[in-house]
Amino acid sequence: MLELIKSLSEALNEAYTTGNILSCLKSFFNDIFKASSVSLFIFDESTKTLRDFAKNWLVVENKKDNIYDIWEKLYSSKSYIADGDVLYYPLKEYNHVIGFLKFDNVDNSIIEFLSVTDNLISLKIQNVILSDKMRKNIEFHSSMKNIAKIIETQYEMNYIIPIIGEMIDKFVSEHLVYIFLSTGEGNALELIWPSSCNDEKITELIKVVNSESEFFTTEDKKIGVFPMTAENKLIGAIVTKSMDTSLHKKEIEYIEQLSNQAATTINRANVYAEILQHATLDALTGFYNRRQLEERTKQEVSSASRNNRALCAIMTDIDFFKTFNDKYGHSVGDYVLKMVSLSIKNQLRDYDIAGRYGGEEFVILLPFTGLKEAEQVAQRLRLSVEHTKLDISKINPDVHDDNIGVTISLGVSEFTPSNSADELINNADKALYQAKNSGRNRVVLYG
């Protein structure tokens, strides 16, 4: 017996996680007592559920399961249960049952052995669980530090959000995690990460979140909603969802703190984005300013050259803009620029790049686009502006025209491997010059 106890003790000393402690027990009891299978269940006081070590410490959710009946009997009797070829043996802490082992097709001599070693097994399991909780606490504080580092070094929302999502996912690994951000329209929230959520219940819950909301869960605690606020404004919300397990108190504490830290990070990124927008965008049109446009042109030319892909540029300006400006005034001129840029913007794809080159001139870069398709885009822009009618009486009370039309001329050039960024734009400018000299309100292709 002493040799067997020593062998078990040595085997348990090699087990450091909830996963390999079960492997250790299976191997030992199979070799010595011919058990065909060994299962381990521990009762989790925080969630009032049984946890199955064979399923990586997952909850046995169905409380109508026979396992819960066995647990109740073991808890009250504090003695083992032999049911045919199956043995259920309680594990205790100071005479308090904390869980049990289940053996299939085991030699009866195991009962005597367990009566001597059950405390040894229980103590090891409790140490492993405690160690696991301490590790999770360390990981949590590490994640909090990492989010704090992101605050100091990162401002790109596309970079920040997935990192925050993955960090939170560590602490609710049995739940799906969704991140919603404010659209800027009232309290409306939009899903940002991951790309889709098909749960109508979550969609409805998100609608009631506002800047004064605190975290809340559904009645079964399988969905948790954690609002993110900063400076008394609703930044967004983090939602967790599970089909199996409920959120327990510790998980809620983790997510609340991570949500608060994430709100600070996201708010800072929003402020930075606003500052950056003013630094890179033309205030009147919302297009890139000249400096940023030149940088983007260099990037696109470099990418097109490196990847051997198509790229076209369109240079356009408003026909007779100076005459229009002189006749109606600069405030009307600014209004025309706004409306023309809006008309152009509405016709472009998400990855097209528009910039204000200067005055009434605009440049549009069309990545992944050949000359023929670029000509079609240019014609679409021309027609869109031509069909836009302007009510300038709202801008200049001395003018009663409410149906003014403007047109644009456009020049199109296609990138070739010998082109520099400047040459691509200059070629489009030459084509624009030709369009203006040949009658205006038309598209001309360079070369």
Protein backbone atom coordinates (compact mmCIF):
# COMPACT_ATOMS: atom_id res chain seq x y z
CA MET A 1 0.00 0.00 0.00
CA LEU A 2 2.80 2.43 0.93
CA GLU A 3 4.46 1.88 -2.44
CA LEU A 4 1.20 2.62 -4.24
CA ILE A 5 0.66 5.79 -2.19
CA LYS A 6 4.21 6.89 -3.00
CA SER A 7 3.63 6.21 -6.74
CA LEU A 8 0.42 8.26 -6.71
CA SER A 9 2.12 11.11 -4.84
CA GLU A 10 4.99 11.20 -7.35
CA ALA A 11 2.55 11.17 -10.26
CA LEU A 12 0.51 14.02 -8.77
CA ASN A 13 3.65 16.08 -8.22
CA GLU A 14 4.09 16.17 -12.02
CA ALA A 15 0.58 17.61 -12.56
CA TYR A 16 0.47 21.40 -12.72
CA THR A 17 -2.75 22.18 -14.60
CA THR A 18 -6.42 21.17 -14.53
CA GLY A 19 -5.80 19.31 -17.78
CA ASN A 20 -2.84 17.13 -16.85
CA ILE A 21 -4.04 16.30 -13.34
CA LEU A 22 -6.90 14.29 -14.86
CA SER A 23 -4.49 12.60 -17.29
CA CYS A 24 -2.32 11.66 -14.34
CA LEU A 25 -5.27 10.12 -12.42
CA LYS A 26 -6.51 8.25 -15.49
CA SER A 27 -3.10 6.75 -16.13
CA PHE A 28 -2.53 5.74 -12.51
CA PHE A 29 -5.95 4.16 -11.84
CA ASN A 30 -6.00 2.40 -15.17
CA ASP A 31 -2.58 0.81 -14.60
CA ILE A 32 -3.14 -0.16 -10.96
CA PHE A 33 -6.90 -0.77 -10.65
CA LYS A 34 -7.87 -1.43 -14.29
CA ALA A 35 -10.36 1.46 -14.41
CA SER A 36 -11.63 1.76 -17.99
CA SER A 37 -12.32 5.48 -17.50
CA VAL A 38 -11.86 8.13 -14.82
CA SER A 39 -13.85 11.40 -14.59
CA LEU A 40 -13.39 14.30 -12.20
CA PHE A 41 -16.11 16.78 -11.16
CA ILE A 42 -15.61 19.75 -8.82
CA PHE A 43 -18.41 21.92 -7.45
CA ASP A 44 -17.85 25.63 -8.18
CA GLU A 45 -19.27 27.68 -5.31
CA SER A 46 -19.30 30.94 -7.29
CA THR A 47 -21.64 29.59 -9.99
CA LYS A 48 -23.26 26.76 -7.99
CA THR A 49 -22.43 24.36 -10.83
CA LEU A 50 -20.36 21.24 -11.35
CA ARG A 51 -17.24 21.62 -13.48
CA ASP A 52 -15.97 18.76 -15.62
CA PHE A 53 -12.18 18.42 -15.74
CA ALA A 54 -12.47 16.16 -18.81
CA LYS A 55 -13.91 19.15 -20.69
CA ASN A 56 -11.24 21.61 -19.66
CA TRP A 57 -13.04 22.78 -16.50
CA LEU A 58 -16.30 23.50 -18.35
CA VAL A 59 -19.63 23.67 -16.54
CA VAL A 60 -22.02 20.73 -16.56
CA GLU A 61 -24.91 23.05 -17.42
CA ASN A 62 -27.90 20.73 -17.40
CA LYS A 63 -28.85 20.47 -13.73
CA LYS A 64 -31.36 17.75 -14.57
CA ASP A 65 -28.41 15.57 -15.50
CA ASN A 66 -27.89 12.39 -13.43
CA ILE A 67 -24.51 13.82 -12.40
CA TYR A 68 -26.25 16.43 -10.25
CA ASP A 69 -28.33 13.71 -8.56
CA ILE A 70 -25.13 11.84 -7.73
CA TRP A 71 -23.58 15.04 -6.42
CA GLU A 72 -26.51 15.72 -4.08
CA LYS A 73 -26.31 12.19 -2.64
CA LEU A 74 -22.53 12.36 -2.15
CA TYR A 75 -22.76 15.81 -0.60
CA SER A 76 -25.34 14.74 1.95
CA SER A 77 -23.97 11.26 2.75
CA LYS A 78 -20.24 12.06 2.46
CA SER A 79 -19.78 8.41 1.45
CA TYR A 80 -19.07 6.70 -1.86
CA ILE A 81 -21.76 5.30 -4.18
CA ALA A 82 -21.32 1.99 -6.01
CA ASP A 83 -23.77 1.65 -8.90
CA GLY A 84 -23.12 -1.60 -10.79
CA ASP A 85 -19.74 -1.25 -12.54
CA VAL A 86 -19.54 2.47 -11.71
CA LEU A 87 -18.01 3.94 -8.55
CA TYR A 88 -18.54 7.55 -7.38
CA TYR A 89 -16.09 8.61 -4.70
CA PRO A 90 -16.37 11.98 -2.86
CA LEU A 91 -13.45 14.37 -2.54
CA LYS A 92 -13.38 16.44 0.65
CA GLU A 93 -11.90 19.50 2.26
CA TYR A 94 -12.12 19.32 6.09
CA ASN A 95 -15.02 16.86 5.84
CA HIS A 96 -16.79 19.17 3.36
CA VAL A 97 -17.45 17.50 -0.04
CA ILE A 98 -16.01 19.63 -2.87
CA GLY A 99 -16.43 17.18 -5.77
CA PHE A 100 -16.04 13.55 -6.73
CA LEU A 101 -14.25 11.00 -8.90
CA LYS A 102 -16.17 8.66 -11.18
CA PHE A 103 -14.64 5.27 -12.09
CA ASP A 104 -15.95 2.80 -14.69
CA ASN A 105 -15.23 -0.96 -14.49
CA VAL A 106 -12.82 -0.59 -11.60
CA ASP A 107 -11.38 -3.21 -9.23
CA ASN A 108 -13.18 -3.13 -5.83
CA SER A 109 -9.86 -2.92 -3.98
CA ILE A 110 -9.73 0.76 -5.06
CA ILE A 111 -12.15 1.73 -2.24
CA GLU A 112 -9.67 0.88 0.50
CA PHE A 113 -6.90 2.71 -1.38
CA LEU A 114 -9.06 5.84 -1.85
CA SER A 115 -9.99 5.93 1.83
CA VAL A 116 -6.29 6.56 2.51
CA THR A 117 -5.41 8.78 -0.48
CA ASP A 118 -8.57 10.87 -1.07
CA ASN A 119 -7.16 13.77 1.00
CA LEU A 120 -3.94 13.66 -1.00
CA ILE A 121 -5.91 13.85 -4.29
CA SER A 122 -8.25 16.58 -2.96
CA LEU A 123 -5.37 18.74 -1.76
CA LYS A 124 -3.60 18.50 -5.10
CA ILE A 125 -6.78 19.39 -7.00
CA GLN A 126 -7.41 22.42 -4.75
CA ASN A 127 -3.83 23.60 -5.24
CA VAL A 128 -4.14 23.30 -9.01
CA ILE A 129 -7.45 25.21 -9.02
CA LEU A 130 -5.98 27.92 -6.80
CA SER A 131 -2.93 28.14 -9.04
CA ASP A 132 -5.20 28.41 -12.08
CA LYS A 133 -7.15 31.28 -10.48
CA MET A 134 -3.92 33.07 -9.53
CA ARG A 135 -2.65 32.68 -13.10
CA LYS A 136 -5.89 34.14 -14.40
CA ASN A 137 -5.57 37.09 -12.01
CA ILE A 138 -2.02 37.70 -13.20
CA GLU A 139 -3.19 37.50 -16.83
CA PHE A 140 -5.98 39.95 -16.04
CA HIS A 141 -3.62 42.55 -14.58
CA SER A 142 -1.27 41.96 -17.49
CA SER A 143 -4.13 42.65 -19.90
CA MET A 144 -5.02 45.84 -18.03
CA LYS A 145 -1.41 46.97 -18.41
CA ASN A 146 -1.43 46.06 -22.10
CA ILE A 147 -4.58 48.10 -22.75
CA ALA A 148 -2.94 50.98 -20.88
CA LYS A 149 0.09 50.65 -23.19
CA ILE A 150 -2.22 50.77 -26.20
CA ILE A 151 -3.58 54.07 -24.86
CA GLU A 152 -0.07 55.51 -24.94
CA THR A 153 1.09 54.15 -28.29
CA GLN A 154 -1.82 53.29 -30.61
CA TYR A 155 -4.59 55.40 -32.11
CA GLU A 156 -5.82 53.33 -35.06
CA MET A 157 -9.27 51.92 -34.21
CA ASN A 158 -8.83 49.03 -36.68
CA TYR A 159 -5.78 47.96 -34.65
CA ILE A 160 -7.13 48.65 -31.15
CA ILE A 161 -10.52 46.93 -31.30
CA PRO A 162 -9.40 43.36 -32.21
CA ILE A 163 -6.72 43.48 -29.48
CA ILE A 164 -9.24 44.55 -26.84
CA GLY A 165 -11.68 41.87 -28.03
CA GLU A 166 -9.05 39.13 -27.81
CA MET A 167 -7.96 40.25 -24.34
CA ILE A 168 -11.51 40.15 -23.00
CA ASP A 169 -12.09 36.78 -24.68
CA LYS A 170 -9.35 35.29 -22.46
CA PHE A 171 -11.45 35.84 -19.34
CA VAL A 172 -14.77 34.64 -20.69
CA SER A 173 -13.48 31.89 -22.97
CA GLU A 174 -16.81 30.09 -22.77
CA HIS A 175 -18.61 33.19 -24.13
CA LEU A 176 -18.62 34.97 -27.48
CA VAL A 177 -17.48 38.59 -27.27
CA TYR A 178 -18.93 41.47 -29.33
CA ILE A 179 -17.77 45.09 -29.40
CA PHE A 180 -20.17 47.87 -30.42
CA LEU A 181 -19.16 51.51 -30.93
CA SER A 182 -21.17 54.72 -31.06
CA THR A 183 -22.15 55.98 -34.53
CA GLY A 184 -22.37 59.55 -33.23
CA GLU A 185 -26.12 59.63 -33.81
CA GLY A 186 -27.83 59.73 -30.41
CA ASN A 187 -27.20 56.47 -28.58
CA ALA A 188 -27.04 54.33 -31.72
CA LEU A 189 -24.37 51.61 -31.52
CA GLU A 190 -22.84 49.69 -34.42
CA LEU A 191 -21.13 46.29 -34.33
CA ILE A 192 -17.40 46.73 -34.96
CA TRP A 193 -15.92 43.38 -33.87
CA PRO A 194 -16.36 40.66 -35.04
CA SER A 195 -17.93 41.25 -38.45
CA SER A 196 -21.41 39.88 -37.69
CA CYS A 197 -23.90 39.10 -34.93
CA ASN A 198 -27.05 37.17 -35.80
CA ASP A 199 -28.59 37.18 -32.33
CA GLU A 200 -31.74 39.32 -32.39
CA LYS A 201 -31.82 39.44 -28.58
CA ILE A 202 -28.43 41.18 -28.53
CA THR A 203 -29.62 43.62 -31.21
CA GLU A 204 -32.60 44.55 -29.03
CA LEU A 205 -30.54 44.83 -25.82
CA ILE A 206 -28.05 47.19 -27.49
CA LYS A 207 -30.86 49.60 -28.39
CA VAL A 208 -31.58 50.41 -24.73
CA VAL A 209 -27.97 51.22 -23.79
CA ASN A 210 -27.27 54.88 -23.03
CA SER A 211 -24.61 57.00 -21.31
CA GLU A 212 -26.19 56.39 -17.90
CA SER A 213 -26.52 52.62 -18.26
CA GLU A 214 -24.68 50.24 -15.95
CA PHE A 215 -23.84 46.67 -16.88
CA PHE A 216 -26.78 44.28 -17.02
CA THR A 217 -27.43 40.64 -17.91
CA THR A 218 -30.33 38.61 -19.20
CA GLU A 219 -32.29 36.67 -16.58
CA ASP A 220 -30.32 33.47 -17.24
CA LYS A 221 -27.04 35.46 -17.13
CA LYS A 222 -25.98 34.02 -20.49
CA ILE A 223 -25.80 37.46 -22.13
CA GLY A 224 -24.01 40.36 -20.45
CA VAL A 225 -24.00 43.96 -21.69
CA PHE A 226 -21.23 46.28 -20.47
CA PRO A 227 -21.59 49.94 -21.59
CA MET A 228 -18.41 51.93 -22.25
CA THR A 229 -18.61 55.62 -21.34
CA ALA A 230 -16.10 58.47 -21.22
CA GLU A 231 -16.63 62.13 -20.34
CA ASN A 232 -20.34 61.38 -19.77
CA LYS A 233 -20.71 60.17 -23.34
CA LEU A 234 -21.58 56.69 -24.58
CA ILE A 235 -18.53 55.33 -26.41
CA GLY A 236 -19.86 51.84 -27.08
CA ALA A 237 -20.62 48.54 -25.38
CA ILE A 238 -19.08 45.11 -24.88
CA VAL A 239 -21.46 42.16 -25.06
CA THR A 240 -20.76 38.58 -24.02
CA LYS A 241 -22.96 35.65 -24.98
CA SER A 242 -22.99 31.93 -24.22
CA MET A 243 -25.28 29.08 -25.17
CA ASP A 244 -24.13 26.99 -22.20
CA THR A 245 -22.65 28.76 -19.20
CA SER A 246 -23.73 31.77 -17.16
CA LEU A 247 -21.50 34.71 -16.29
CA HIS A 248 -20.29 34.45 -12.73
CA LYS A 249 -19.28 37.21 -10.35
CA LYS A 250 -15.54 37.12 -11.05
CA GLU A 251 -16.03 37.22 -14.83
CA ILE A 252 -18.34 40.22 -14.44
CA GLU A 253 -15.69 42.00 -12.34
CA TYR A 254 -13.05 41.29 -14.99
CA ILE A 255 -15.16 42.56 -17.89
CA GLU A 256 -16.34 45.67 -16.00
CA GLN A 257 -12.76 46.75 -15.35
CA LEU A 258 -11.60 45.88 -18.86
CA SER A 259 -14.59 47.76 -20.32
CA ASN A 260 -13.67 50.88 -18.35
CA GLN A 261 -10.08 50.67 -19.53
CA ALA A 262 -11.20 50.00 -23.11
CA ALA A 263 -13.52 53.05 -23.01
CA THR A 264 -10.56 55.27 -22.11
CA THR A 265 -8.49 53.79 -24.95
CA ILE A 266 -11.25 54.15 -27.54
CA ASN A 267 -12.13 57.70 -26.46
CA ARG A 268 -8.51 58.73 -26.78
CA ALA A 269 -8.36 57.17 -30.25
CA ASN A 270 -11.51 59.09 -31.25
CA VAL A 271 -10.02 62.39 -30.06
CA TYR A 272 -6.80 61.66 -31.92
CA ALA A 273 -8.70 60.71 -35.07
CA GLU A 274 -10.54 64.03 -34.92
CA ILE A 275 -7.26 65.93 -34.56
CA LEU A 276 -5.70 63.89 -37.36
CA GLN A 277 -8.72 64.48 -39.56
CA HIS A 278 -8.32 68.23 -39.22
CA ALA A 279 -4.63 67.87 -40.02
CA THR A 280 -5.10 65.74 -43.14
CA LEU A 281 -8.50 66.71 -44.51
CA ASP A 282 -9.61 69.84 -46.27
CA ALA A 283 -12.09 71.52 -43.92
CA LEU A 284 -14.41 72.73 -46.70
CA THR A 285 -14.80 69.57 -48.80
CA GLY A 286 -13.87 66.72 -46.44
CA PHE A 287 -11.37 65.45 -49.06
CA TYR A 288 -7.66 64.97 -48.32
CA ASN A 289 -5.72 68.24 -48.31
CA ARG A 290 -2.92 68.82 -50.81
CA ARG A 291 -0.12 67.58 -48.56
CA GLN A 292 -1.92 64.38 -47.60
CA LEU A 293 -3.02 63.81 -51.20
CA GLU A 294 0.60 63.93 -52.34
CA GLU A 295 1.56 61.38 -49.66
CA ARG A 296 -1.27 59.04 -50.65
CA THR A 297 -0.37 59.36 -54.33
CA LYS A 298 3.22 58.31 -53.59
CA GLN A 299 1.95 55.33 -51.59
CA GLU A 300 -0.45 54.19 -54.31
CA VAL A 301 2.13 54.58 -57.08
CA SER A 302 4.67 52.62 -55.03
CA SER A 303 2.12 49.86 -54.32
CA ALA A 304 0.98 49.70 -57.97
CA SER A 305 4.59 49.44 -59.13
CA ARG A 306 5.54 46.82 -56.55
CA ASN A 307 2.48 44.64 -57.09
CA ASN A 308 2.14 45.24 -60.83
CA ARG A 309 -1.48 46.36 -60.47
CA ALA A 310 -3.61 48.95 -62.25
CA LEU A 311 -3.95 52.54 -61.02
CA CYS A 312 -5.58 55.58 -62.61
CA ALA A 313 -5.85 59.25 -61.66
CA ILE A 314 -8.60 61.76 -62.47
CA MET A 315 -7.98 65.51 -62.35
CA THR A 316 -11.12 67.63 -62.40
CA ASP A 317 -12.20 71.22 -61.83
CA ILE A 318 -15.45 73.17 -61.86
CA ASP A 319 -16.23 74.87 -65.17
CA PHE A 320 -16.26 78.71 -65.10
CA PHE A 321 -15.84 78.69 -61.32
CA LYS A 322 -14.15 82.12 -61.22
CA THR A 323 -17.03 83.75 -63.09
CA PHE A 324 -19.50 82.01 -60.78
CA ASN A 325 -17.55 83.15 -57.71
CA ASP A 326 -17.35 86.76 -58.91
CA LYS A 327 -21.04 86.89 -59.77
CA TYR A 328 -22.51 85.37 -56.59
CA GLY A 329 -19.81 85.88 -53.95
CA HIS A 330 -17.32 83.67 -52.11
CA SER A 331 -19.85 82.19 -49.68
CA VAL A 332 -21.80 80.81 -52.64
CA GLY A 333 -18.51 79.65 -54.16
CA ASP A 334 -17.74 77.69 -51.00
CA TYR A 335 -21.23 76.19 -51.09
CA VAL A 336 -20.67 75.07 -54.70
CA LEU A 337 -17.36 73.45 -53.73
CA LYS A 338 -19.09 71.58 -50.88
CA MET A 339 -21.93 70.34 -53.07
CA VAL A 340 -19.67 69.28 -55.95
CA SER A 341 -17.33 67.40 -53.59
CA LEU A 342 -20.34 65.69 -51.98
CA SER A 343 -21.65 64.68 -55.40
CA ILE A 344 -18.23 63.24 -56.30
CA LYS A 345 -17.88 61.45 -52.95
CA ASN A 346 -21.24 59.72 -53.38
CA GLN A 347 -20.05 58.12 -56.63
CA LEU A 348 -16.75 56.73 -55.34
CA ARG A 349 -15.91 53.32 -53.87
CA ASP A 350 -14.65 52.88 -50.31
CA TYR A 351 -11.05 52.42 -51.44
CA ASP A 352 -10.95 55.31 -53.95
CA ILE A 353 -8.97 58.36 -52.78
CA ALA A 354 -10.19 61.94 -53.30
CA GLY A 355 -8.21 65.10 -52.53
CA ARG A 356 -8.51 68.84 -53.03
CA TYR A 357 -5.57 69.77 -55.22
CA GLY A 358 -6.12 73.50 -54.92
CA GLY A 359 -8.89 76.05 -55.53
CA GLU A 360 -11.66 74.27 -57.43
CA GLU A 361 -9.42 71.40 -58.60
CA PHE A 362 -9.80 67.85 -57.29
CA VAL A 363 -7.77 64.68 -57.79
CA ILE A 364 -9.28 61.20 -57.53
CA LEU A 365 -7.04 58.13 -57.36
CA LEU A 366 -8.59 54.85 -58.52
CA PRO A 367 -6.60 51.81 -57.26
CA PHE A 368 -7.07 48.44 -59.04
CA THR A 369 -8.63 50.32 -61.98
CA GLY A 370 -7.67 50.27 -65.67
CA LEU A 371 -8.13 53.15 -68.11
CA LYS A 372 -11.43 51.98 -69.59
CA GLU A 373 -13.07 51.55 -66.18
CA ALA A 374 -11.58 54.86 -65.02
CA GLU A 375 -13.21 56.60 -68.00
CA GLN A 376 -16.58 55.15 -66.93
CA VAL A 377 -16.04 56.43 -63.36
CA ALA A 378 -15.14 59.89 -64.71
CA GLN A 379 -18.28 59.99 -66.87
CA ARG A 380 -20.35 58.97 -63.85
CA LEU A 381 -18.84 61.83 -61.84
CA ARG A 382 -19.47 64.30 -64.64
CA LEU A 383 -23.13 63.33 -65.00
CA SER A 384 -23.70 63.31 -61.23
CA VAL A 385 -22.47 66.91 -60.91
CA GLU A 386 -24.36 68.03 -64.03
CA HIS A 387 -27.63 66.68 -62.63
CA THR A 388 -27.14 68.33 -59.22
CA LYS A 389 -29.18 71.52 -58.89
CA LEU A 390 -28.22 74.09 -56.27
CA ASP A 391 -30.43 76.47 -54.30
CA ILE A 392 -28.04 79.36 -53.69
CA SER A 393 -30.75 81.65 -52.35
CA LYS A 394 -30.17 80.00 -48.96
CA ILE A 395 -26.56 81.19 -48.97
CA ASN A 396 -26.96 84.66 -50.54
CA PRO A 397 -30.33 86.29 -49.73
CA ASP A 398 -29.79 88.80 -52.54
CA VAL A 399 -29.94 86.00 -55.09
CA HIS A 400 -33.27 84.30 -55.79
CA ASP A 401 -31.95 81.43 -57.95
CA ASP A 402 -32.89 78.04 -56.52
CA ASN A 403 -32.04 75.87 -59.52
CA ILE A 404 -28.45 76.63 -60.47
CA GLY A 405 -26.47 73.99 -62.33
CA VAL A 406 -22.68 73.55 -62.56
CA THR A 407 -20.50 71.22 -64.63
CA ILE A 408 -17.01 69.80 -64.34
CA SER A 409 -14.29 68.83 -66.81
CA LEU A 410 -12.14 65.79 -66.20
CA GLY A 411 -8.79 64.42 -67.37
CA VAL A 412 -7.82 60.77 -66.84
CA SER A 413 -4.36 59.19 -66.84
CA GLU A 414 -3.21 55.61 -66.32
CA PHE A 415 -0.14 54.62 -64.31
CA THR A 416 2.73 52.96 -66.20
CA PRO A 417 5.90 51.49 -64.61
CA SER A 418 7.92 54.46 -65.86
CA ASN A 419 5.66 57.01 -64.12
CA SER A 420 6.43 58.80 -60.91
CA ALA A 421 3.68 60.08 -58.65
CA ASP A 422 4.11 63.60 -60.07
CA GLU A 423 3.97 62.35 -63.66
CA LEU A 424 0.73 60.45 -63.01
CA ILE A 425 -0.95 63.65 -61.73
CA ASN A 426 0.64 65.88 -64.40
CA ASN A 427 -0.62 63.61 -67.16
CA ALA A 428 -4.15 63.80 -65.76
CA ASP A 429 -3.75 67.61 -65.59
CA LYS A 430 -2.73 67.72 -69.26
CA ALA A 431 -5.84 65.71 -70.18
CA LEU A 432 -7.98 68.08 -68.08
CA TYR A 433 -6.49 71.07 -69.93
CA GLN A 434 -7.46 69.44 -73.22
CA ALA A 435 -11.03 68.79 -71.91
CA LYS A 436 -11.43 72.47 -71.00
CA ASN A 437 -10.05 73.68 -74.30
CA SER A 438 -12.37 71.40 -76.27
CA GLY A 439 -15.63 72.64 -74.79
CA ARG A 440 -15.72 71.72 -71.05
CA ASN A 441 -18.17 69.34 -69.31
CA ARG A 442 -16.39 66.37 -70.80
CA VAL A 443 -13.86 63.59 -70.10
CA VAL A 444 -10.52 63.33 -71.92
CA LEU A 445 -8.03 60.46 -71.59
CA TYR A 446 -4.33 61.26 -71.54
CA GLY A 447 -2.46 60.04 -74.60
